[in-house]
Amino acid sequence: MTKYVLTRLVTLLVTLILLSLGVFLLMHSIPGGPFDLEGGDKGIPVPPAVRAEILKTYGLDKPLHIQYLNYLWRALHLDFGRSFFSPGETVAQLIGRTWIVSIQLGLVTFALALVVGLALGIWSAMHQNTWIDYVTTTFAVGGTVFPSFVVGIALLVIFAVILQWLPSGGWDGPQYWIMPVIAFFLLPMSTIARYTRSSMVEHLKEDYVRTARSKGLPERQVVLRHALRNALIPILTILGPLIADLLTGSFFIETLFRVPGLGRYFTTSILNRDYPMIMGTTLLFAALLSIVNLIIDLLYAVVDPRVRLAR
């Protein structure tokens, strides 16, 4: 187990280095820059002398391979530089300040999506090909079809504008969380529900389930203790990307409901050519996804003792 974890961590480090190189080359290959003379839609129009001084300050006047090696050396010491558009903060400080909000939003959303998704999937599988199955499946598919920003706009119009029951935006208390969480949780809930139903339908037909029922065990114990535990493997597989996606926020949700989270920086940093933020947010998402997947792999052996980690 220890050797497996260490091997995965070394692989993670190599992956992050290769990813940083790819992202660095891609973002510098895009035409334009954060301090273009013309300014453009997002660039800052500055005189040539001032621009040259700014480029020197941020080390952008050096050759690309020198820039990358300098960045890599600083990043290995957890120094990701300063944001071009928030020079008063380092990238680490900016991510730390905004990621807390995205984590709160993501954890609440994930907890709700997991509970509702598992419940709908199990309930649907237990009543396969009945009206209950059709209704829950339709609801799960609907959560996949409607984009989160469409659901968010509908919630704003109904509950904030027409009924005026909820505040239109912010993150100052539980009443501000309701609409962002509902708009954000539909897609992961639907995904979990569909995978749970599919896996449970397969395992409810297995011989060990029939044996458990023949012994007179209560149906709840048969479903939750026997069938669900074996059905969790494919469900755990999809949870890794879902958790990483939820914990890093959503540009649409955070913009629509004025949530001061990290999600919008994934998009605005690219539009602004904010190189340090692009690198920082990309590496954060990659590291989080890899770590979550490692935890999921370790959980396989906990859920199903027959699973053994590869040497």
Foldseek 3Di string as FASTA:
>chain_A
DVVLVVVLVVVLVVVLLVVLVVLLVVLVVDPDAQDDCVQPPQHDNDDPVVSVVVCVVQVVVDDSVVNSVVQVVVVVVVQLACWPVCNVDGLVVLQVVFLVLLQVLLVVLVVVLQVLLLVLLLVLLVVDPDVSVVVSLVQLVVLQPDALLNQLVVCCCPCCPPVNPAPQADDDDPSRSVSLSVSPNSNSSSVSNVLSNVLLNVQCPDPVLVVCVVVVDDPVCSRPVPRNLVSCLVSLVVVLLSSLVSSQHALSSCVRRVRSHRRVLCPVCSVSNRPSSVSVSVSVSSSSSSVSVVVSLVVVCVSPVVDDDDD
